[in-house]
PDB file of N, CA and C in Angstrom:
ATOM      1  N   UNK A   1      13.476  19.529  77.538  1.00  0.00           N
ATOM      2  CA  UNK A   1      14.227  20.136  78.623  1.00  0.00           C
ATOM      3  C   UNK A   1      13.327  21.162  79.309  1.00  0.00           C
ATOM      4  N   UNK A   2      13.270  21.105  80.631  1.00  0.00           N
ATOM      5  CA  UNK A   2      12.414  22.029  81.360  1.00  0.00           C
ATOM      6  C   UNK A   2      13.012  23.435  81.325  1.00  0.00           C
ATOM      7  N   UNK A   3      12.194  24.390  81.672  1.00  0.00           N
ATOM      8  CA  UNK A   3      12.651  25.778  81.710  1.00  0.00           C
ATOM      9  C   UNK A   3      13.789  25.984  82.687  1.00  0.00           C
ATOM     10  N   UNK A   4      13.716  25.334  83.847  1.00  0.00           N
ATOM     11  CA  UNK A   4      14.773  25.468  84.858  1.00  0.00           C
ATOM     12  C   UNK A   4      16.082  24.873  84.356  1.00  0.00           C
ATOM     13  N   UNK A   5      16.005  23.738  83.671  1.00  0.00           N
ATOM     14  CA  UNK A   5      17.214  23.111  83.129  1.00  0.00           C
ATOM     15  C   UNK A   5      17.839  23.987  82.055  1.00  0.00           C
ATOM     16  N   UNK A   6      16.999  24.575  81.199  1.00  0.00           N
ATOM     17  CA  UNK A   6      17.492  25.464  80.141  1.00  0.00           C
ATOM     18  C   UNK A   6      18.134  26.714  80.752  1.00  0.00           C
ATOM     19  N   UNK A   7      17.534  27.241  81.809  1.00  0.00           N
ATOM     20  CA  UNK A   7      18.087  28.418  82.482  1.00  0.00           C
ATOM     21  C   UNK A   7      19.484  28.116  83.021  1.00  0.00           C
ATOM     22  N   UNK A   8      19.630  26.964  83.694  1.00  0.00           N
ATOM     23  CA  UNK A   8      20.932  26.584  84.245  1.00  0.00           C
ATOM     24  C   UNK A   8      21.972  26.443  83.142  1.00  0.00           C
ATOM     25  N   UNK A   9      21.574  25.841  82.048  1.00  0.00           N
ATOM     26  CA  UNK A   9      22.496  25.648  80.932  1.00  0.00           C
ATOM     27  C   UNK A   9      22.935  26.993  80.367  1.00  0.00           C
ATOM     28  N   UNK A  10      21.997  27.902  80.172  1.00  0.00           N
ATOM     29  CA  UNK A  10      22.309  29.209  79.601  1.00  0.00           C
ATOM     30  C   UNK A  10      23.042  30.113  80.585  1.00  0.00           C
ATOM     31  N   UNK A  11      22.841  29.911  81.875  1.00  0.00           N
ATOM     32  CA  UNK A  11      23.478  30.771  82.881  1.00  0.00           C
ATOM     33  C   UNK A  11      24.992  30.706  82.779  1.00  0.00           C
ATOM     34  N   UNK A  12      25.536  29.539  82.483  1.00  0.00           N
ATOM     35  CA  UNK A  12      26.986  29.410  82.360  1.00  0.00           C
ATOM     36  C   UNK A  12      27.517  30.130  81.129  1.00  0.00           C
ATOM     37  N   UNK A  13      26.703  30.192  80.082  1.00  0.00           N
ATOM     38  CA  UNK A  13      27.137  30.835  78.851  1.00  0.00           C
ATOM     39  C   UNK A  13      27.076  32.354  78.943  1.00  0.00           C
ATOM     40  N   UNK A  14      26.271  32.889  79.826  1.00  0.00           N
ATOM     41  CA  UNK A  14      26.123  34.339  79.931  1.00  0.00           C
ATOM     42  C   UNK A  14      26.737  34.911  81.201  1.00  0.00           C
ATOM     43  N   UNK A  15      27.398  34.077  81.997  1.00  0.00           N
ATOM     44  CA  UNK A  15      27.984  34.536  83.256  1.00  0.00           C
ATOM     45  C   UNK A  15      29.216  35.393  82.992  1.00  0.00           C
ATOM     46  N   UNK A  16      29.448  36.355  83.874  1.00  0.00           N
ATOM     47  CA  UNK A  16      30.664  37.154  83.800  1.00  0.00           C
ATOM     48  C   UNK A  16      31.847  36.311  84.279  1.00  0.00           C
ATOM     49  N   UNK A  17      33.046  36.783  84.028  1.00  0.00           N
ATOM     50  CA  UNK A  17      34.232  36.071  84.510  1.00  0.00           C
ATOM     51  C   UNK A  17      34.189  35.907  86.024  1.00  0.00           C
ATOM     52  N   UNK A  18      33.745  36.936  86.718  1.00  0.00           N
ATOM     53  CA  UNK A  18      33.661  36.874  88.172  1.00  0.00           C
ATOM     54  C   UNK A  18      32.673  35.807  88.617  1.00  0.00           C
ATOM     55  N   UNK A  19      31.530  35.754  87.959  1.00  0.00           N
ATOM     56  CA  UNK A  19      30.528  34.747  88.298  1.00  0.00           C
ATOM     57  C   UNK A  19      31.045  33.340  88.013  1.00  0.00           C
ATOM     58  N   UNK A  20      31.801  33.184  86.932  1.00  0.00           N
ATOM     59  CA  UNK A  20      32.366  31.876  86.605  1.00  0.00           C
ATOM     60  C   UNK A  20      33.368  31.423  87.661  1.00  0.00           C
ATOM     61  N   UNK A  21      34.197  32.342  88.127  1.00  0.00           N
ATOM     62  CA  UNK A  21      35.159  32.003  89.187  1.00  0.00           C
ATOM     63  C   UNK A  21      34.409  31.516  90.418  1.00  0.00           C
ATOM     64  N   UNK A  22      33.373  32.240  90.811  1.00  0.00           N
ATOM     65  CA  UNK A  22      32.592  31.838  91.988  1.00  0.00           C
ATOM     66  C   UNK A  22      31.916  30.491  91.765  1.00  0.00           C
ATOM     67  N   UNK A  23      31.389  30.267  90.563  1.00  0.00           N
ATOM     68  CA  UNK A  23      30.745  28.982  90.264  1.00  0.00           C
ATOM     69  C   UNK A  23      31.745  27.828  90.340  1.00  0.00           C
ATOM     70  N   UNK A  24      32.951  28.037  89.829  1.00  0.00           N
ATOM     71  CA  UNK A  24      33.981  26.996  89.903  1.00  0.00           C
ATOM     72  C   UNK A  24      34.328  26.681  91.350  1.00  0.00           C
ATOM     73  N   UNK A  25      34.477  27.719  92.154  1.00  0.00           N
ATOM     74  CA  UNK A  25      34.767  27.509  93.572  1.00  0.00           C
ATOM     75  C   UNK A  25      33.630  26.784  94.269  1.00  0.00           C
ATOM     76  N   UNK A  26      32.404  27.209  94.007  1.00  0.00           N
ATOM     77  CA  UNK A  26      31.251  26.571  94.653  1.00  0.00           C
ATOM     78  C   UNK A  26      31.188  25.088  94.314  1.00  0.00           C
ATOM     79  N   UNK A  27      31.401  24.761  93.046  1.00  0.00           N
ATOM     80  CA  UNK A  27      31.359  23.356  92.633  1.00  0.00           C
ATOM     81  C   UNK A  27      32.494  22.570  93.274  1.00  0.00           C
ATOM     82  N   UNK A  28      33.696  23.138  93.274  1.00  0.00           N
ATOM     83  CA  UNK A  28      34.853  22.452  93.848  1.00  0.00           C
ATOM     84  C   UNK A  28      34.667  22.215  95.342  1.00  0.00           C
ATOM     85  N   UNK A  29      34.186  23.210  96.051  1.00  0.00           N
ATOM     86  CA  UNK A  29      33.996  23.080  97.498  1.00  0.00           C
ATOM     87  C   UNK A  29      32.917  22.044  97.798  1.00  0.00           C
ATOM     88  N   UNK A  30      31.835  22.071  97.032  1.00  0.00           N
ATOM     89  CA  UNK A  30      30.773  21.083  97.212  1.00  0.00           C
ATOM     90  C   UNK A  30      31.305  19.669  96.992  1.00  0.00           C
ATOM     91  N   UNK A  31      32.100  19.489  95.945  1.00  0.00           N
ATOM     92  CA  UNK A  31      32.683  18.176  95.668  1.00  0.00           C
ATOM     93  C   UNK A  31      33.659  17.745  96.759  1.00  0.00           C
ATOM     94  N   UNK A  32      34.411  18.691  97.305  1.00  0.00           N
ATOM     95  CA  UNK A  32      35.357  18.344  98.368  1.00  0.00           C
ATOM     96  C   UNK A  32      34.621  17.896  99.626  1.00  0.00           C
ATOM     97  N   UNK A  33      33.536  18.581  99.983  1.00  0.00           N
ATOM     98  CA  UNK A  33      32.762  18.162 101.159  1.00  0.00           C
ATOM     99  C   UNK A  33      32.161  16.777 100.931  1.00  0.00           C
ATOM    100  N   UNK A  34      31.666  16.533  99.721  1.00  0.00           N
ATOM    101  CA  UNK A  34      31.113  15.213  99.414  1.00  0.00           C
ATOM    102  C   UNK A  34      32.208  14.149  99.482  1.00  0.00           C
ATOM    103  N   UNK A  35      33.392  14.478  99.002  1.00  0.00           N
ATOM    104  CA  UNK A  35      34.516  13.537  99.052  1.00  0.00           C
ATOM    105  C   UNK A  35      34.930  13.251 100.484  1.00  0.00           C
ATOM    106  N   UNK A  36      34.891  14.260 101.311  1.00  0.00           N
ATOM    107  CA  UNK A  36      35.241  14.070 102.726  1.00  0.00           C
ATOM    108  C   UNK A  36      34.302  13.051 103.363  1.00  0.00           C
ATOM    109  N   UNK A  37      33.011  13.197 103.069  1.00  0.00           N
ATOM    110  CA  UNK A  37      32.037  12.230 103.592  1.00  0.00           C
ATOM    111  C   UNK A  37      32.319  10.828 103.064  1.00  0.00           C
ATOM    112  N   UNK A  38      32.649  10.729 101.779  1.00  0.00           N
ATOM    113  CA  UNK A  38      32.943   9.416 101.180  1.00  0.00           C
ATOM    114  C   UNK A  38      34.173   8.791 101.830  1.00  0.00           C
ATOM    115  N   UNK A  39      35.200   9.601 102.116  1.00  0.00           N
ATOM    116  CA  UNK A  39      36.398   9.074 102.776  1.00  0.00           C
ATOM    117  C   UNK A  39      36.066   8.577 104.180  1.00  0.00           C
ATOM    118  N   UNK A  40      35.227   9.312 104.888  1.00  0.00           N
ATOM    119  CA  UNK A  40      34.847   8.896 106.235  1.00  0.00           C
ATOM    120  C   UNK A  40      34.037   7.600 106.206  1.00  0.00           C
ATOM    121  N   UNK A  41      33.304   7.385 105.114  1.00  0.00           N
ATOM    122  CA  UNK A  41      32.519   6.159 104.951  1.00  0.00           C
ATOM    123  C   UNK A  41      33.369   5.018 104.380  1.00  0.00           C
ATOM    124  N   UNK A  42      34.662   5.270 104.202  1.00  0.00           N
ATOM    125  CA  UNK A  42      35.574   4.283 103.616  1.00  0.00           C
ATOM    126  C   UNK A  42      35.210   3.958 102.168  1.00  0.00           C
ATOM    127  N   UNK A  43      34.602   4.903 101.479  1.00  0.00           N
ATOM    128  CA  UNK A  43      34.229   4.745 100.079  1.00  0.00           C
ATOM    129  C   UNK A  43      35.213   5.557  99.233  1.00  0.00           C
ATOM    130  N   UNK A  44      36.442   5.072  99.180  1.00  0.00           N
ATOM    131  CA  UNK A  44      37.526   5.806  98.529  1.00  0.00           C
ATOM    132  C   UNK A  44      37.297   5.970  97.032  1.00  0.00           C
ATOM    133  N   UNK A  45      36.716   4.993  96.386  1.00  0.00           N
ATOM    134  CA  UNK A  45      36.518   5.050  94.937  1.00  0.00           C
ATOM    135  C   UNK A  45      35.644   6.238  94.532  1.00  0.00           C
ATOM    136  N   UNK A  46      34.518   6.427  95.209  1.00  0.00           N
ATOM    137  CA  UNK A  46      33.645   7.569  94.913  1.00  0.00           C
ATOM    138  C   UNK A  46      34.330   8.888  95.271  1.00  0.00           C
ATOM    139  N   UNK A  47      35.084   8.894  96.357  1.00  0.00           N
ATOM    140  CA  UNK A  47      35.805  10.109  96.754  1.00  0.00           C
ATOM    141  C   UNK A  47      36.812  10.493  95.678  1.00  0.00           C
ATOM    142  N   UNK A  48      37.530   9.509  95.157  1.00  0.00           N
ATOM    143  CA  UNK A  48      38.547   9.782  94.136  1.00  0.00           C
ATOM    144  C   UNK A  48      37.914  10.352  92.872  1.00  0.00           C
ATOM    145  N   UNK A  49      36.763   9.850  92.502  1.00  0.00           N
ATOM    146  CA  UNK A  49      36.066  10.369  91.324  1.00  0.00           C
ATOM    147  C   UNK A  49      35.749  11.853  91.491  1.00  0.00           C
ATOM    148  N   UNK A  50      35.236  12.229  92.651  1.00  0.00           N
ATOM    149  CA  UNK A  50      34.952  13.637  92.933  1.00  0.00           C
ATOM    150  C   UNK A  50      36.231  14.464  92.978  1.00  0.00           C
ATOM    151  N   UNK A  51      37.269  13.917  93.599  1.00  0.00           N
ATOM    152  CA  UNK A  51      38.519  14.658  93.746  1.00  0.00           C
ATOM    153  C   UNK A  51      39.185  14.894  92.390  1.00  0.00           C
ATOM    154  N   UNK A  52      38.989  13.984  91.463  1.00  0.00           N
ATOM    155  CA  UNK A  52      39.501  14.198  90.105  1.00  0.00           C
ATOM    156  C   UNK A  52      38.844  15.433  89.488  1.00  0.00           C
ATOM    157  N   UNK A  53      37.546  15.580  89.693  1.00  0.00           N
ATOM    158  CA  UNK A  53      36.826  16.754  89.187  1.00  0.00           C
ATOM    159  C   UNK A  53      37.325  18.026  89.874  1.00  0.00           C
ATOM    160  N   UNK A  54      37.595  17.939  91.172  1.00  0.00           N
ATOM    161  CA  UNK A  54      38.117  19.098  91.913  1.00  0.00           C
ATOM    162  C   UNK A  54      39.463  19.514  91.334  1.00  0.00           C
ATOM    163  N   UNK A  55      40.320  18.540  91.055  1.00  0.00           N
ATOM    164  CA  UNK A  55      41.629  18.862  90.465  1.00  0.00           C
ATOM    165  C   UNK A  55      41.457  19.539  89.112  1.00  0.00           C
ATOM    166  N   UNK A  56      40.502  19.094  88.332  1.00  0.00           N
ATOM    167  CA  UNK A  56      40.237  19.724  87.036  1.00  0.00           C
ATOM    168  C   UNK A  56      39.796  21.176  87.214  1.00  0.00           C
ATOM    169  N   UNK A  57      38.916  21.415  88.189  1.00  0.00           N
ATOM    170  CA  UNK A  57      38.417  22.770  88.422  1.00  0.00           C
ATOM    171  C   UNK A  57      39.535  23.712  88.862  1.00  0.00           C
ATOM    172  N   UNK A  58      40.371  23.252  89.798  1.00  0.00           N
ATOM    173  CA  UNK A  58      41.456  24.118  90.266  1.00  0.00           C
ATOM    174  C   UNK A  58      42.557  24.260  89.225  1.00  0.00           C
ATOM    175  N   UNK A  59      42.739  23.261  88.399  1.00  0.00           N
ATOM    176  CA  UNK A  59      43.695  23.394  87.296  1.00  0.00           C
ATOM    177  C   UNK A  59      43.202  24.453  86.309  1.00  0.00           C
ATOM    178  N   UNK A  60      41.904  24.481  86.079  1.00  0.00           N
ATOM    179  CA  UNK A  60      41.314  25.495  85.205  1.00  0.00           C
ATOM    180  C   UNK A  60      41.477  26.897  85.815  1.00  0.00           C
ATOM    181  N   UNK A  61      41.223  27.012  87.109  1.00  0.00           N
ATOM    182  CA  UNK A  61      41.421  28.302  87.776  1.00  0.00           C
ATOM    183  C   UNK A  61      42.879  28.740  87.681  1.00  0.00           C
ATOM    184  N   UNK A  62      43.774  27.807  87.879  1.00  0.00           N
ATOM    185  CA  UNK A  62      45.197  28.108  87.830  1.00  0.00           C
ATOM    186  C   UNK A  62      45.601  28.539  86.413  1.00  0.00           C
ATOM    187  N   UNK A  63      45.114  27.840  85.410  1.00  0.00           N
ATOM    188  CA  UNK A  63      45.452  28.154  84.025  1.00  0.00           C
ATOM    189  C   UNK A  63      44.896  29.505  83.583  1.00  0.00           C
ATOM    190  N   UNK A  64      43.820  29.945  84.226  1.00  0.00           N
ATOM    191  CA  UNK A  64      43.188  31.207  83.818  1.00  0.00           C
ATOM    192  C   UNK A  64      43.798  32.427  84.492  1.00  0.00           C
ATOM    193  N   UNK A  65      44.785  32.223  85.364  1.00  0.00           N
ATOM    194  CA  UNK A  65      45.420  33.361  86.024  1.00  0.00           C
ATOM    195  C   UNK A  65      46.142  34.231  85.000  1.00  0.00           C
ATOM    196  N   UNK A  66      46.068  35.531  85.204  1.00  0.00           N
ATOM    197  CA  UNK A  66      46.765  36.492  84.346  1.00  0.00           C
ATOM    198  C   UNK A  66      48.263  36.390  84.628  1.00  0.00           C
ATOM    199  N   UNK A  67      49.034  35.993  83.612  1.00  0.00           N
ATOM    200  CA  UNK A  67      50.477  35.817  83.787  1.00  0.00           C
ATOM    201  C   UNK A  67      51.177  37.123  84.153  1.00  0.00           C
ATOM    202  N   UNK A  68      50.551  38.259  83.836  1.00  0.00           N
ATOM    203  CA  UNK A  68      51.101  39.565  84.181  1.00  0.00           C
ATOM    204  C   UNK A  68      50.415  40.140  85.413  1.00  0.00           C
ATOM    205  N   UNK A  69      49.807  39.271  86.214  1.00  0.00           N
ATOM    206  CA  UNK A  69      49.048  39.712  87.378  1.00  0.00           C
ATOM    207  C   UNK A  69      49.896  40.033  88.592  1.00  0.00           C
ATOM    208  N   UNK A  70      51.201  39.924  88.470  1.00  0.00           N
ATOM    209  CA  UNK A  70      52.100  40.296  89.547  1.00  0.00           C
ATOM    210  C   UNK A  70      51.987  39.383  90.755  1.00  0.00           C
ATOM    211  N   UNK A  71      52.149  39.987  91.920  1.00  0.00           N
ATOM    212  CA  UNK A  71      52.197  39.246  93.170  1.00  0.00           C
ATOM    213  C   UNK A  71      50.879  38.534  93.485  1.00  0.00           C
ATOM    214  N   UNK A  72      49.772  39.158  93.158  1.00  0.00           N
ATOM    215  CA  UNK A  72      48.470  38.544  93.433  1.00  0.00           C
ATOM    216  C   UNK A  72      48.334  37.238  92.647  1.00  0.00           C
ATOM    217  N   UNK A  73      48.667  37.274  91.360  1.00  0.00           N
ATOM    218  CA  UNK A  73      48.568  36.064  90.538  1.00  0.00           C
ATOM    219  C   UNK A  73      49.534  34.994  91.037  1.00  0.00           C
ATOM    220  N   UNK A  74      50.721  35.394  91.430  1.00  0.00           N
ATOM    221  CA  UNK A  74      51.703  34.440  91.951  1.00  0.00           C
ATOM    222  C   UNK A  74      51.195  33.784  93.234  1.00  0.00           C
ATOM    223  N   UNK A  75      50.644  34.593  94.134  1.00  0.00           N
ATOM    224  CA  UNK A  75      50.106  34.053  95.389  1.00  0.00           C
ATOM    225  C   UNK A  75      48.937  33.106  95.131  1.00  0.00           C
ATOM    226  N   UNK A  76      48.048  33.472  94.208  1.00  0.00           N
ATOM    227  CA  UNK A  76      46.925  32.587  93.871  1.00  0.00           C
ATOM    228  C   UNK A  76      47.439  31.286  93.263  1.00  0.00           C
ATOM    229  N   UNK A  77      48.440  31.390  92.407  1.00  0.00           N
ATOM    230  CA  UNK A  77      49.027  30.185  91.808  1.00  0.00           C
ATOM    231  C   UNK A  77      49.548  29.254  92.898  1.00  0.00           C
ATOM    232  N   UNK A  78      50.230  29.813  93.876  1.00  0.00           N
ATOM    233  CA  UNK A  78      50.771  29.006  94.970  1.00  0.00           C
ATOM    234  C   UNK A  78      49.656  28.390  95.820  1.00  0.00           C
ATOM    235  N   UNK A  79      48.598  29.147  96.067  1.00  0.00           N
ATOM    236  CA  UNK A  79      47.476  28.613  96.850  1.00  0.00           C
ATOM    237  C   UNK A  79      46.748  27.508  96.085  1.00  0.00           C
ATOM    238  N   UNK A  80      46.555  27.697  94.787  1.00  0.00           N
ATOM    239  CA  UNK A  80      45.925  26.659  93.975  1.00  0.00           C
ATOM    240  C   UNK A  80      46.804  25.400  93.951  1.00  0.00           C
ATOM    241  N   UNK A  81      48.118  25.601  93.873  1.00  0.00           N
ATOM    242  CA  UNK A  81      49.043  24.459  93.895  1.00  0.00           C
ATOM    243  C   UNK A  81      48.930  23.712  95.221  1.00  0.00           C
ATOM    244  N   UNK A  82      48.831  24.453  96.315  1.00  0.00           N
ATOM    245  CA  UNK A  82      48.669  23.836  97.632  1.00  0.00           C
ATOM    246  C   UNK A  82      47.374  23.018  97.681  1.00  0.00           C
ATOM    247  N   UNK A  83      46.276  23.605  97.200  1.00  0.00           N
ATOM    248  CA  UNK A  83      44.993  22.901  97.191  1.00  0.00           C
ATOM    249  C   UNK A  83      45.100  21.625  96.352  1.00  0.00           C
ATOM    250  N   UNK A  84      45.705  21.733  95.178  1.00  0.00           N
ATOM    251  CA  UNK A  84      45.867  20.555  94.315  1.00  0.00           C
ATOM    252  C   UNK A  84      46.690  19.474  95.007  1.00  0.00           C
ATOM    253  N   UNK A  85      47.735  19.871  95.705  1.00  0.00           N
ATOM    254  CA  UNK A  85      48.579  18.904  96.420  1.00  0.00           C
ATOM    255  C   UNK A  85      47.790  18.216  97.525  1.00  0.00           C
ATOM    256  N   UNK A  86      47.038  18.971  98.298  1.00  0.00           N
ATOM    257  CA  UNK A  86      46.260  18.396  99.392  1.00  0.00           C
ATOM    258  C   UNK A  86      45.135  17.492  98.875  1.00  0.00           C
ATOM    259  N   UNK A  87      44.506  17.899  97.798  1.00  0.00           N
ATOM    260  CA  UNK A  87      43.450  17.085  97.199  1.00  0.00           C
ATOM    261  C   UNK A  87      44.043  15.767  96.685  1.00  0.00           C
ATOM    262  N   UNK A  88      45.201  15.845  96.060  1.00  0.00           N
ATOM    263  CA  UNK A  88      45.864  14.632  95.573  1.00  0.00           C
ATOM    264  C   UNK A  88      46.245  13.715  96.735  1.00  0.00           C
ATOM    265  N   UNK A  89      46.778  14.298  97.793  1.00  0.00           N
ATOM    266  CA  UNK A  89      47.135  13.515  98.980  1.00  0.00           C
ATOM    267  C   UNK A  89      45.901  12.840  99.562  1.00  0.00           C
ATOM    268  N   UNK A  90      44.812  13.575  99.629  1.00  0.00           N
ATOM    269  CA  UNK A  90      43.566  13.003 100.159  1.00  0.00           C
ATOM    270  C   UNK A  90      43.128  11.803  99.323  1.00  0.00           C
ATOM    271  N   UNK A  91      43.255  11.917  98.005  1.00  0.00           N
ATOM    272  CA  UNK A  91      42.851  10.823  97.142  1.00  0.00           C
ATOM    273  C   UNK A  91      43.779   9.624  97.218  1.00  0.00           C
ATOM    274  N   UNK A  92      45.071   9.885  97.195  1.00  0.00           N
ATOM    275  CA  UNK A  92      46.037   8.777  97.206  1.00  0.00           C
ATOM    276  C   UNK A  92      46.075   8.053  98.539  1.00  0.00           C
ATOM    277  N   UNK A  93      46.020   8.817  99.619  1.00  0.00           N
ATOM    278  CA  UNK A  93      46.164   8.209 100.943  1.00  0.00           C
ATOM    279  C   UNK A  93      44.833   7.991 101.650  1.00  0.00           C
ATOM    280  N   UNK A  94      43.747   8.516 101.069  1.00  0.00           N
ATOM    281  CA  UNK A  94      42.460   8.436 101.757  1.00  0.00           C
ATOM    282  C   UNK A  94      42.470   9.268 103.023  1.00  0.00           C
ATOM    283  N   UNK A  95      43.154  10.418 102.979  1.00  0.00           N
ATOM    284  CA  UNK A  95      43.409  11.263 104.146  1.00  0.00           C
ATOM    285  C   UNK A  95      42.401  12.412 104.245  1.00  0.00           C
ATOM    286  N   UNK A  96      41.400  12.285 105.135  1.00  0.00           N
ATOM    287  CA  UNK A  96      40.416  13.356 105.265  1.00  0.00           C
ATOM    288  C   UNK A  96      41.024  14.668 105.769  1.00  0.00           C
ATOM    289  N   UNK A  97      42.110  14.613 106.551  1.00  0.00           N
ATOM    290  CA  UNK A  97      42.717  15.842 107.066  1.00  0.00           C
ATOM    291  C   UNK A  97      43.307  16.675 105.926  1.00  0.00           C
ATOM    292  N   UNK A  98      43.939  16.017 104.966  1.00  0.00           N
ATOM    293  CA  UNK A  98      44.475  16.742 103.813  1.00  0.00           C
ATOM    294  C   UNK A  98      43.337  17.433 103.063  1.00  0.00           C
ATOM    295  N   UNK A  99      42.223  16.753 102.962  1.00  0.00           N
ATOM    296  CA  UNK A  99      41.065  17.334 102.280  1.00  0.00           C
ATOM    297  C   UNK A  99      40.508  18.508 103.073  1.00  0.00           C
ATOM    298  N   UNK A 100      40.470  18.392 104.381  1.00  0.00           N
ATOM    299  CA  UNK A 100      40.004  19.513 105.211  1.00  0.00           C
ATOM    300  C   UNK A 100      40.921  20.718 105.052  1.00  0.00           C
ATOM    301  N   UNK A 101      42.228  20.485 104.916  1.00  0.00           N
ATOM    302  CA  UNK A 101      43.168  21.582 104.674  1.00  0.00           C
ATOM    303  C   UNK A 101      42.823  22.297 103.369  1.00  0.00           C
ATOM    304  N   UNK A 102      42.561  21.523 102.331  1.00  0.00           N
ATOM    305  CA  UNK A 102      42.215  22.092 101.027  1.00  0.00           C
ATOM    306  C   UNK A 102      40.890  22.850 101.092  1.00  0.00           C
ATOM    307  N   UNK A 103      39.924  22.262 101.778  1.00  0.00           N
ATOM    308  CA  UNK A 103      38.611  22.914 101.913  1.00  0.00           C
ATOM    309  C   UNK A 103      38.755  24.248 102.620  1.00  0.00           C
ATOM    310  N   UNK A 104      39.534  24.282 103.676  1.00  0.00           N
ATOM    311  CA  UNK A 104      39.720  25.511 104.452  1.00  0.00           C
ATOM    312  C   UNK A 104      40.274  26.634 103.583  1.00  0.00           C
ATOM    313  N   UNK A 105      41.313  26.333 102.816  1.00  0.00           N
ATOM    314  CA  UNK A 105      41.921  27.351 101.950  1.00  0.00           C
ATOM    315  C   UNK A 105      40.946  27.755 100.845  1.00  0.00           C
ATOM    316  N   UNK A 106      40.284  26.788 100.239  1.00  0.00           N
ATOM    317  CA  UNK A 106      39.342  27.079  99.159  1.00  0.00           C
ATOM    318  C   UNK A 106      38.187  27.951  99.651  1.00  0.00           C
ATOM    319  N   UNK A 107      37.673  27.662 100.835  1.00  0.00           N
ATOM    320  CA  UNK A 107      36.570  28.471 101.372  1.00  0.00           C
ATOM    321  C   UNK A 107      37.020  29.899 101.671  1.00  0.00           C
ATOM    322  N   UNK A 108      38.228  30.059 102.184  1.00  0.00           N
ATOM    323  CA  UNK A 108      38.735  31.413 102.427  1.00  0.00           C
ATOM    324  C   UNK A 108      38.899  32.183 101.125  1.00  0.00           C
ATOM    325  N   UNK A 109      39.437  31.518 100.110  1.00  0.00           N
ATOM    326  CA  UNK A 109      39.581  32.168  98.809  1.00  0.00           C
ATOM    327  C   UNK A 109      38.214  32.539  98.241  1.00  0.00           C
ATOM    328  N   UNK A 110      37.264  31.620  98.338  1.00  0.00           N
ATOM    329  CA  UNK A 110      35.917  31.891  97.838  1.00  0.00           C
ATOM    330  C   UNK A 110      35.329  33.123  98.524  1.00  0.00           C
ATOM    331  N   UNK A 111      35.430  33.161  99.842  1.00  0.00           N
ATOM    332  CA  UNK A 111      34.893  34.311 100.583  1.00  0.00           C
ATOM    333  C   UNK A 111      35.568  35.606 100.153  1.00  0.00           C
ATOM    334  N   UNK A 112      36.882  35.558  99.947  1.00  0.00           N
ATOM    335  CA  UNK A 112      37.610  36.745  99.500  1.00  0.00           C
ATOM    336  C   UNK A 112      37.165  37.200  98.124  1.00  0.00           C
ATOM    337  N   UNK A 113      37.045  36.255  97.200  1.00  0.00           N
ATOM    338  CA  UNK A 113      36.570  36.605  95.859  1.00  0.00           C
ATOM    339  C   UNK A 113      35.137  37.125  95.914  1.00  0.00           C
ATOM    340  N   UNK A 114      34.292  36.477  96.691  1.00  0.00           N
ATOM    341  CA  UNK A 114      32.902  36.898  96.787  1.00  0.00           C
ATOM    342  C   UNK A 114      32.818  38.346  97.268  1.00  0.00           C
ATOM    343  N   UNK A 115      33.559  38.670  98.316  1.00  0.00           N
ATOM    344  CA  UNK A 115      33.551  40.039  98.839  1.00  0.00           C
ATOM    345  C   UNK A 115      34.136  41.022  97.840  1.00  0.00           C
ATOM    346  N   UNK A 116      35.239  40.643  97.204  1.00  0.00           N
ATOM    347  CA  UNK A 116      35.869  41.535  96.229  1.00  0.00           C
ATOM    348  C   UNK A 116      34.941  41.801  95.054  1.00  0.00           C
ATOM    349  N   UNK A 117      34.304  40.763  94.545  1.00  0.00           N
ATOM    350  CA  UNK A 117      33.414  40.925  93.402  1.00  0.00           C
ATOM    351  C   UNK A 117      32.144  41.665  93.784  1.00  0.00           C
ATOM    352  N   UNK A 118      31.709  41.534  95.021  1.00  0.00           N
ATOM    353  CA  UNK A 118      30.500  42.236  95.481  1.00  0.00           C
ATOM    354  C   UNK A 118      30.746  43.729  95.631  1.00  0.00           C
ATOM    355  N   UNK A 119      31.993  44.090  95.876  1.00  0.00           N
ATOM    356  CA  UNK A 119      32.328  45.504  96.099  1.00  0.00           C
ATOM    357  C   UNK A 119      32.772  46.221  94.842  1.00  0.00           C
ATOM    358  N   UNK A 120      32.879  45.503  93.727  1.00  0.00           N
ATOM    359  CA  UNK A 120      33.292  46.121  92.475  1.00  0.00           C
ATOM    360  C   UNK A 120      32.157  46.979  91.933  1.00  0.00           C
ATOM    361  N   UNK A 121      32.494  48.152  91.436  1.00  0.00           N
ATOM    362  CA  UNK A 121      31.448  48.957  90.794  1.00  0.00           C
ATOM    363  C   UNK A 121      31.020  48.289  89.495  1.00  0.00           C
ATOM    364  N   UNK A 122      29.752  48.336  89.231  1.00  0.00           N
ATOM    365  CA  UNK A 122      29.241  47.743  87.995  1.00  0.00           C
ATOM    366  C   UNK A 122      29.272  48.766  86.878  1.00  0.00           C
ATOM    367  N   UNK A 123      29.089  48.330  85.676  1.00  0.00           N
ATOM    368  CA  UNK A 123      29.085  49.231  84.516  1.00  0.00           C
ATOM    369  C   UNK A 123      27.884  50.172  84.570  1.00  0.00           C
ATOM    370  N   UNK A 124      26.862  49.776  85.333  1.00  0.00           N
ATOM    371  CA  UNK A 124      25.644  50.592  85.405  1.00  0.00           C
ATOM    372  C   UNK A 124      25.795  51.775  86.348  1.00  0.00           C
ATOM    373  N   UNK A 125      26.808  51.737  87.236  1.00  0.00           N
ATOM    374  CA  UNK A 125      26.937  52.848  88.207  1.00  0.00           C
ATOM    375  C   UNK A 125      27.930  53.852  87.774  1.00  0.00           C
TER     376      UNK A 125
END
């Protein structure tokens, strides 16, 4: 295994919770864009394979929500549910618009998390 491959493997094991959330979003968004291209190419089978992974990622994000997180956790749960519904619709119907809806919400959430995590004080300060 090359040094770069080992670094990538270890990076997931040493990432903070915030970094893991961002990594999950980045992977999900990348897969959704790839699926959108596959749907436009009429390659539904490959799109569905990617969309299954996206559903797994958002299900993991949803399951990791703090049940005592109040309104914020409830709102995130609803947004994740919306994304899951749109991703499922895109897969079942081959509907690129449903996928674009999911991508739009996911990208906004990612940007919000990225900004929030960037503004958090670190333990070093």
